[in-house]
Amino acid sequence: QVQLVESGGGLVQVGGSLRLSCTASGSTLVDYAIGWFRQAPGDEREGLSCISSSDLRTYYADSVKGRFTISRDNANNTVYLHMNHLKPDDTAVYYCATDTTSWCSGYGAAQYNHWGQGTQVTVSA
């Protein structure tokens, strides 16, 4: 059973940067595509980015393209989300999740079967 833990969130000023980590225990992440999501109060969960397992292809939502970068370190069972040029609209709880396959196939909830508890990111104006 895969257990995911997100870390790296916090309070940052507009224009600042953060690096979120998603670390797995109980199983290796090497066989899974990994997605990052966020949810702000009152909003629906938003899929942000995904990285495949084998060929390391990456995908980004338009809202974060050019500002966020996803990467993975399979040796350390960790996936990262590097966030730059942060805006107040980026304030949310950020989650990582394992795709049921090794490739990225969208951000539908049914596609992801293990989720972390989330880490809060707050961007102050």
Foldseek 3Di string as FASTA:
>chain_A
DKAWAKDFADEAAAQAKIKIKIAIPPDFQLFWKKWKWWDAPPDDIGTAKIFFRPPRDMDGDPVQPPFWDWDDDRVRRMIMIIGGRDDQVPWTWMKMFTAPGRDDDDDDPVRTDYMYPTDTHGYHD
